[in-house]
PDB file of N, CA and C in Angstrom:
ATOM      1  N   MET A   1      69.798  83.765 102.965  1.00  0.00           N
ATOM      2  CA  MET A   1      70.829  84.523 102.702  1.00  0.00           C
ATOM      3  C   MET A   1      70.646  86.042 102.976  1.00  0.00           C
ATOM      4  N   GLU A   2      69.437  86.652 102.745  1.00  0.00           N
ATOM      5  CA  GLU A   2      68.909  87.987 102.968  1.00  0.00           C
ATOM      6  C   GLU A   2      69.046  88.342 104.421  1.00  0.00           C
ATOM      7  N   THR A   3      68.728  87.256 105.143  1.00  0.00           N
ATOM      8  CA  THR A   3      68.792  87.700 106.706  1.00  0.00           C
ATOM      9  C   THR A   3      70.150  87.704 107.162  1.00  0.00           C
ATOM     10  N   ILE A   4      71.046  87.010 106.936  1.00  0.00           N
ATOM     11  CA  ILE A   4      72.459  87.078 107.261  1.00  0.00           C
ATOM     12  C   ILE A   4      73.117  88.285 106.614  1.00  0.00           C
ATOM     13  N   TYR A   5      72.764  88.663 105.290  1.00  0.00           N
ATOM     14  CA  TYR A   5      73.276  89.913 104.878  1.00  0.00           C
ATOM     15  C   TYR A   5      72.907  91.255 105.672  1.00  0.00           C
ATOM     16  N   LYS A   6      71.552  91.257 106.071  1.00  0.00           N
ATOM     17  CA  LYS A   6      71.326  92.341 106.753  1.00  0.00           C
ATOM     18  C   LYS A   6      71.899  92.401 108.096  1.00  0.00           C
ATOM     19  N   ILE A   7      72.057  91.179 108.653  1.00  0.00           N
ATOM     20  CA  ILE A   7      72.746  91.292 110.094  1.00  0.00           C
ATOM     21  C   ILE A   7      74.232  91.741 109.796  1.00  0.00           C
ATOM     22  N   ALA A   8      74.969  91.331 108.633  1.00  0.00           N
ATOM     23  CA  ALA A   8      76.215  91.817 108.435  1.00  0.00           C
ATOM     24  C   ALA A   8      76.292  93.296 108.127  1.00  0.00           C
ATOM     25  N   LEU A   9      75.128  93.892 107.566  1.00  0.00           N
ATOM     26  CA  LEU A   9      75.076  95.342 107.484  1.00  0.00           C
ATOM     27  C   LEU A   9      75.003  96.007 108.663  1.00  0.00           C
ATOM     28  N   VAL A  10      74.098  95.277 109.644  1.00  0.00           N
ATOM     29  CA  VAL A  10      73.971  96.181 110.942  1.00  0.00           C
ATOM     30  C   VAL A  10      75.298  95.895 111.684  1.00  0.00           C
ATOM     31  N   ILE A  11      75.929  94.827 111.759  1.00  0.00           N
ATOM     32  CA  ILE A  11      77.137  94.758 112.401  1.00  0.00           C
ATOM     33  C   ILE A  11      78.233  95.587 111.747  1.00  0.00           C
ATOM     34  N   MET A  12      78.422  95.753 110.341  1.00  0.00           N
ATOM     35  CA  MET A  12      79.233  96.764 109.764  1.00  0.00           C
ATOM     36  C   MET A  12      78.900  98.155 110.276  1.00  0.00           C
ATOM     37  N   PHE A  13      77.570  98.495 110.277  1.00  0.00           N
ATOM     38  CA  PHE A  13      77.322 100.011 110.780  1.00  0.00           C
ATOM     39  C   PHE A  13      77.856 100.035 112.221  1.00  0.00           C
ATOM     40  N   LEU A  14      77.574  99.265 113.082  1.00  0.00           N
ATOM     41  CA  LEU A  14      77.862  99.314 114.632  1.00  0.00           C
ATOM     42  C   LEU A  14      79.446  99.430 114.469  1.00  0.00           C
ATOM     43  N   ILE A  15      80.182  98.869 113.729  1.00  0.00           N
ATOM     44  CA  ILE A  15      81.680  98.882 113.737  1.00  0.00           C
ATOM     45  C   ILE A  15      82.028 100.247 113.405  1.00  0.00           C
ATOM     46  N   VAL A  16      81.402 100.829 112.332  1.00  0.00           N
ATOM     47  CA  VAL A  16      81.544 102.303 111.791  1.00  0.00           C
ATOM     48  C   VAL A  16      81.411 103.214 113.025  1.00  0.00           C
ATOM     49  N   VAL A  17      80.320 103.060 113.659  1.00  0.00           N
ATOM     50  CA  VAL A  17      79.876 103.876 114.986  1.00  0.00           C
ATOM     51  C   VAL A  17      81.006 103.930 115.999  1.00  0.00           C
ATOM     52  N   PHE A  18      81.387 102.550 116.262  1.00  0.00           N
ATOM     53  CA  PHE A  18      82.370 102.341 117.273  1.00  0.00           C
ATOM     54  C   PHE A  18      83.577 103.034 116.925  1.00  0.00           C
ATOM     55  N   ASN A  19      84.102 103.096 115.602  1.00  0.00           N
ATOM     56  CA  ASN A  19      85.327 103.680 115.248  1.00  0.00           C
ATOM     57  C   ASN A  19      85.273 105.233 115.475  1.00  0.00           C
ATOM     58  N   LEU A  20      83.886 105.693 115.093  1.00  0.00           N
ATOM     59  CA  LEU A  20      83.670 107.107 115.275  1.00  0.00           C
ATOM     60  C   LEU A  20      84.114 107.588 116.829  1.00  0.00           C
ATOM     61  N   GLY A  21      83.400 106.670 117.718  1.00  0.00           N
ATOM     62  CA  GLY A  21      83.575 106.957 119.069  1.00  0.00           C
ATOM     63  C   GLY A  21      84.888 106.872 119.580  1.00  0.00           C
ATOM     64  N   GLN A  22      85.677 105.727 119.042  1.00  0.00           N
ATOM     65  CA  GLN A  22      87.018 105.682 119.358  1.00  0.00           C
ATOM     66  C   GLN A  22      87.748 106.743 119.178  1.00  0.00           C
ATOM     67  N   ALA A  23      87.518 107.318 117.845  1.00  0.00           N
ATOM     68  CA  ALA A  23      88.272 108.608 117.451  1.00  0.00           C
ATOM     69  C   ALA A  23      87.958 109.624 118.367  1.00  0.00           C
ATOM     70  N   LEU A  24      86.893 109.926 118.679  1.00  0.00           N
ATOM     71  CA  LEU A  24      86.443 110.923 119.741  1.00  0.00           C
ATOM     72  C   LEU A  24      87.300 110.620 121.051  1.00  0.00           C
ATOM     73  N   TYR A  25      87.165 109.217 121.578  1.00  0.00           N
ATOM     74  CA  TYR A  25      87.946 109.331 122.842  1.00  0.00           C
ATOM     75  C   TYR A  25      89.500 109.562 122.547  1.00  0.00           C
ATOM     76  N   TYR A  26      90.111 109.024 121.677  1.00  0.00           N
ATOM     77  CA  TYR A  26      91.600 109.227 121.261  1.00  0.00           C
ATOM     78  C   TYR A  26      91.705 110.814 121.131  1.00  0.00           C
ATOM     79  N   MET A  27      90.778 111.412 120.509  1.00  0.00           N
ATOM     80  CA  MET A  27      90.928 113.003 120.305  1.00  0.00           C
ATOM     81  C   MET A  27      91.054 113.733 121.776  1.00  0.00           C
ATOM     82  N   MET A  28      90.162 113.315 122.484  1.00  0.00           N
ATOM     83  CA  MET A  28      89.869 113.918 123.856  1.00  0.00           C
ATOM     84  C   MET A  28      91.031 113.435 124.759  1.00  0.00           C
ATOM     85  N   THR A  29      91.713 112.284 124.764  1.00  0.00           N
ATOM     86  CA  THR A  29      92.470 111.814 125.869  1.00  0.00           C
ATOM     87  C   THR A  29      94.183 112.004 125.218  1.00  0.00           C
ATOM     88  N   ASP A  30      94.401 111.967 124.107  1.00  0.00           N
ATOM     89  CA  ASP A  30      95.750 111.989 123.652  1.00  0.00           C
ATOM     90  C   ASP A  30      96.129 113.503 123.590  1.00  0.00           C
ATOM     91  N   LYS A  31      97.264 113.611 124.238  1.00  0.00           N
ATOM     92  CA  LYS A  31      97.775 115.117 124.262  1.00  0.00           C
ATOM     93  C   LYS A  31      98.974 115.275 123.739  1.00  0.00           C
ATOM     94  N   ASP A  32      99.658 114.325 123.290  1.00  0.00           N
ATOM     95  CA  ASP A  32     100.988 114.381 122.763  1.00  0.00           C
ATOM     96  C   ASP A  32     101.154 114.475 121.296  1.00  0.00           C
ATOM     97  N   GLY A  33     100.006 114.379 120.440  1.00  0.00           N
ATOM     98  CA  GLY A  33     100.027 114.597 119.059  1.00  0.00           C
ATOM     99  C   GLY A  33     100.112 113.065 118.448  1.00  0.00           C
ATOM    100  N   SER A  34      99.377 112.197 119.213  1.00  0.00           N
ATOM    101  CA  SER A  34      99.380 110.705 118.717  1.00  0.00           C
ATOM    102  C   SER A  34      98.594 110.870 117.314  1.00  0.00           C
ATOM    103  N   LYS A  35      98.872 109.759 116.694  1.00  0.00           N
ATOM    104  CA  LYS A  35      98.153 109.527 115.218  1.00  0.00           C
ATOM    105  C   LYS A  35      96.943 108.783 115.414  1.00  0.00           C
ATOM    106  N   ARG A  36      96.528 108.231 116.563  1.00  0.00           N
ATOM    107  CA  ARG A  36      95.517 107.316 116.678  1.00  0.00           C
ATOM    108  C   ARG A  36      94.167 107.810 116.384  1.00  0.00           C
ATOM    109  N   THR A  37      93.984 109.100 116.518  1.00  0.00           N
ATOM    110  CA  THR A  37      92.840 109.656 116.181  1.00  0.00           C
ATOM    111  C   THR A  37      92.562 109.851 114.514  1.00  0.00           C
ATOM    112  N   ALA A  38      93.702 110.011 113.867  1.00  0.00           N
ATOM    113  CA  ALA A  38      93.773 110.045 112.408  1.00  0.00           C
ATOM    114  C   ALA A  38      93.525 108.800 111.762  1.00  0.00           C
ATOM    115  N   TRP A  39      94.075 107.647 112.652  1.00  0.00           N
ATOM    116  CA  TRP A  39      93.796 106.225 112.028  1.00  0.00           C
ATOM    117  C   TRP A  39      92.346 105.680 112.145  1.00  0.00           C
ATOM    118  N   ALA A  40      91.902 106.022 113.580  1.00  0.00           N
ATOM    119  CA  ALA A  40      90.581 105.624 113.628  1.00  0.00           C
ATOM    120  C   ALA A  40      89.505 106.320 112.689  1.00  0.00           C
ATOM    121  N   LEU A  41      89.848 107.485 112.524  1.00  0.00           N
ATOM    122  CA  LEU A  41      89.045 108.253 111.315  1.00  0.00           C
ATOM    123  C   LEU A  41      89.255 107.579 109.922  1.00  0.00           C
ATOM    124  N   THR A  42      90.450 107.083 109.579  1.00  0.00           N
ATOM    125  CA  THR A  42      90.672 106.572 108.337  1.00  0.00           C
ATOM    126  C   THR A  42      89.973 105.348 108.182  1.00  0.00           C
ATOM    127  N   ARG A  43      90.165 104.437 109.323  1.00  0.00           N
ATOM    128  CA  ARG A  43      89.324 103.161 109.315  1.00  0.00           C
ATOM    129  C   ARG A  43      87.848 103.346 109.169  1.00  0.00           C
ATOM    130  N   ARG A  44      87.323 104.429 109.767  1.00  0.00           N
ATOM    131  CA  ARG A  44      85.806 104.703 109.593  1.00  0.00           C
ATOM    132  C   ARG A  44      85.531 104.979 108.198  1.00  0.00           C
ATOM    133  N   ILE A  45      86.404 105.757 107.675  1.00  0.00           N
ATOM    134  CA  ILE A  45      86.012 106.180 106.273  1.00  0.00           C
ATOM    135  C   ILE A  45      86.218 104.833 105.202  1.00  0.00           C
ATOM    136  N   GLY A  46      87.202 104.183 105.449  1.00  0.00           N
ATOM    137  CA  GLY A  46      87.327 102.920 104.780  1.00  0.00           C
ATOM    138  C   GLY A  46      86.092 101.986 105.006  1.00  0.00           C
ATOM    139  N   LEU A  47      85.623 101.786 106.172  1.00  0.00           N
ATOM    140  CA  LEU A  47      84.686 100.885 106.690  1.00  0.00           C
ATOM    141  C   LEU A  47      83.251 101.487 105.993  1.00  0.00           C
ATOM    142  N   SER A  48      83.221 102.714 105.908  1.00  0.00           N
ATOM    143  CA  SER A  48      82.010 103.486 105.422  1.00  0.00           C
ATOM    144  C   SER A  48      81.826 103.159 103.927  1.00  0.00           C
ATOM    145  N   ILE A  49      82.936 103.103 103.389  1.00  0.00           N
ATOM    146  CA  ILE A  49      82.940 102.789 101.941  1.00  0.00           C
ATOM    147  C   ILE A  49      82.612 101.401 101.758  1.00  0.00           C
ATOM    148  N   VAL A  50      83.173 100.576 102.315  1.00  0.00           N
ATOM    149  CA  VAL A  50      82.710  99.123 102.224  1.00  0.00           C
ATOM    150  C   VAL A  50      81.062  98.945 102.582  1.00  0.00           C
ATOM    151  N   LEU A  51      80.727  99.690 103.521  1.00  0.00           N
ATOM    152  CA  LEU A  51      79.274  99.413 103.786  1.00  0.00           C
ATOM    153  C   LEU A  51      78.317 100.014 102.678  1.00  0.00           C
ATOM    154  N   ILE A  52      78.600 101.280 102.211  1.00  0.00           N
ATOM    155  CA  ILE A  52      77.928 101.723 100.936  1.00  0.00           C
ATOM    156  C   ILE A  52      78.107 100.768  99.803  1.00  0.00           C
ATOM    157  N   ALA A  53      79.322 100.118  99.638  1.00  0.00           N
ATOM    158  CA  ALA A  53      79.204  99.073  98.516  1.00  0.00           C
ATOM    159  C   ALA A  53      78.485  97.955  98.835  1.00  0.00           C
ATOM    160  N   MET A  54      78.290  97.409 100.199  1.00  0.00           N
ATOM    161  CA  MET A  54      77.629  96.321 100.334  1.00  0.00           C
ATOM    162  C   MET A  54      76.277  96.671 100.135  1.00  0.00           C
ATOM    163  N   ILE A  55      75.617  97.825 100.624  1.00  0.00           N
ATOM    164  CA  ILE A  55      74.221  98.344 100.477  1.00  0.00           C
ATOM    165  C   ILE A  55      73.857  98.508  98.840  1.00  0.00           C
ATOM    166  N   MET A  56      74.827  98.885  98.246  1.00  0.00           N
ATOM    167  CA  MET A  56      74.663  98.818  96.566  1.00  0.00           C
ATOM    168  C   MET A  56      74.420  97.355  95.833  1.00  0.00           C
ATOM    169  N   LEU A  57      75.399  96.591  96.636  1.00  0.00           N
ATOM    170  CA  LEU A  57      75.447  95.167  96.055  1.00  0.00           C
ATOM    171  C   LEU A  57      74.061  94.447  96.543  1.00  0.00           C
ATOM    172  N   GLY A  58      73.792  94.684  97.739  1.00  0.00           N
ATOM    173  CA  GLY A  58      72.716  94.199  98.239  1.00  0.00           C
ATOM    174  C   GLY A  58      71.164  94.604  97.343  1.00  0.00           C
ATOM    175  N   ILE A  59      71.017  95.859  96.918  1.00  0.00           N
ATOM    176  CA  ILE A  59      69.985  96.486  96.145  1.00  0.00           C
ATOM    177  C   ILE A  59      70.166  95.788  94.740  1.00  0.00           C
ATOM    178  N   TRP A  60      71.476  95.518  94.223  1.00  0.00           N
ATOM    179  CA  TRP A  60      71.643  95.208  92.926  1.00  0.00           C
ATOM    180  C   TRP A  60      71.054  93.397  92.750  1.00  0.00           C
ATOM    181  N   MET A  61      71.512  92.800  93.789  1.00  0.00           N
ATOM    182  CA  MET A  61      71.154  91.424  94.044  1.00  0.00           C
ATOM    183  C   MET A  61      69.712  91.275  94.372  1.00  0.00           C
ATOM    184  N   GLY A  62      69.010  92.184  94.886  1.00  0.00           N
ATOM    185  CA  GLY A  62      67.585  92.029  95.150  1.00  0.00           C
ATOM    186  C   GLY A  62      67.569  91.726  96.516  1.00  0.00           C
ATOM    187  N   TRP A  63      68.377  91.610  97.351  1.00  0.00           N
ATOM    188  CA  TRP A  63      68.294  91.160  98.800  1.00  0.00           C
ATOM    189  C   TRP A  63      67.884  92.405  99.668  1.00  0.00           C
ATOM    190  N   LEU A  64      67.919  93.590  99.253  1.00  0.00           N
ATOM    191  CA  LEU A  64      67.416  94.752  99.907  1.00  0.00           C
ATOM    192  C   LEU A  64      66.538  95.523  98.910  1.00  0.00           C
ATOM    193  N   GLN A  65      65.371  96.139  99.430  1.00  0.00           N
ATOM    194  CA  GLN A  65      64.432  96.574  98.666  1.00  0.00           C
ATOM    195  C   GLN A  65      64.342  98.239  99.177  1.00  0.00           C
ATOM    196  N   PRO A  66      64.643  99.187  98.345  1.00  0.00           N
ATOM    197  CA  PRO A  66      64.507 100.465  98.827  1.00  0.00           C
ATOM    198  C   PRO A  66      63.082 100.883  98.957  1.00  0.00           C
ATOM    199  N   HIS A  67      62.588 101.594  99.893  1.00  0.00           N
ATOM    200  CA  HIS A  67      61.275 101.605 100.192  1.00  0.00           C
ATOM    201  C   HIS A  67      60.588 102.825  99.490  1.00  0.00           C
ATOM    202  N   GLY A  68      61.468 103.767  98.928  1.00  0.00           N
ATOM    203  CA  GLY A  68      60.785 104.763  98.051  1.00  0.00           C
ATOM    204  C   GLY A  68      60.435 106.113  98.771  1.00  0.00           C
ATOM    205  N   VAL A  69      60.971 106.462  99.768  1.00  0.00           N
ATOM    206  CA  VAL A  69      60.509 107.581 100.308  1.00  0.00           C
ATOM    207  C   VAL A  69      60.597 108.800  99.427  1.00  0.00           C
ATOM    208  N   GLY A  70      59.567 109.523  99.408  1.00  0.00           N
ATOM    209  CA  GLY A  70      59.239 110.682  98.558  1.00  0.00           C
ATOM    210  C   GLY A  70      58.430 110.522  97.266  1.00  0.00           C
ATOM    211  N   ARG A  71      57.892 109.298  96.908  1.00  0.00           N
ATOM    212  CA  ARG A  71      57.371 108.958  95.767  1.00  0.00           C
ATOM    213  C   ARG A  71      55.697 109.113  95.956  1.00  0.00           C
TER     214      ARG A  71
END
């Protein structure tokens, strides 16, 4: 279960990065005031919130172990 969860986290992170790149592309190519950039950034924010919630759930369930930087 832990391995599948970590793979899901990586896939979710890649989707967030893809949406950020998609927003950059739309921002550079759309000249007519299209809302595609705003929608891509909105999706990125929503997916980032889900990703943070998944990380918190993984730590709470014991599937992820924080490595303690700065201790």
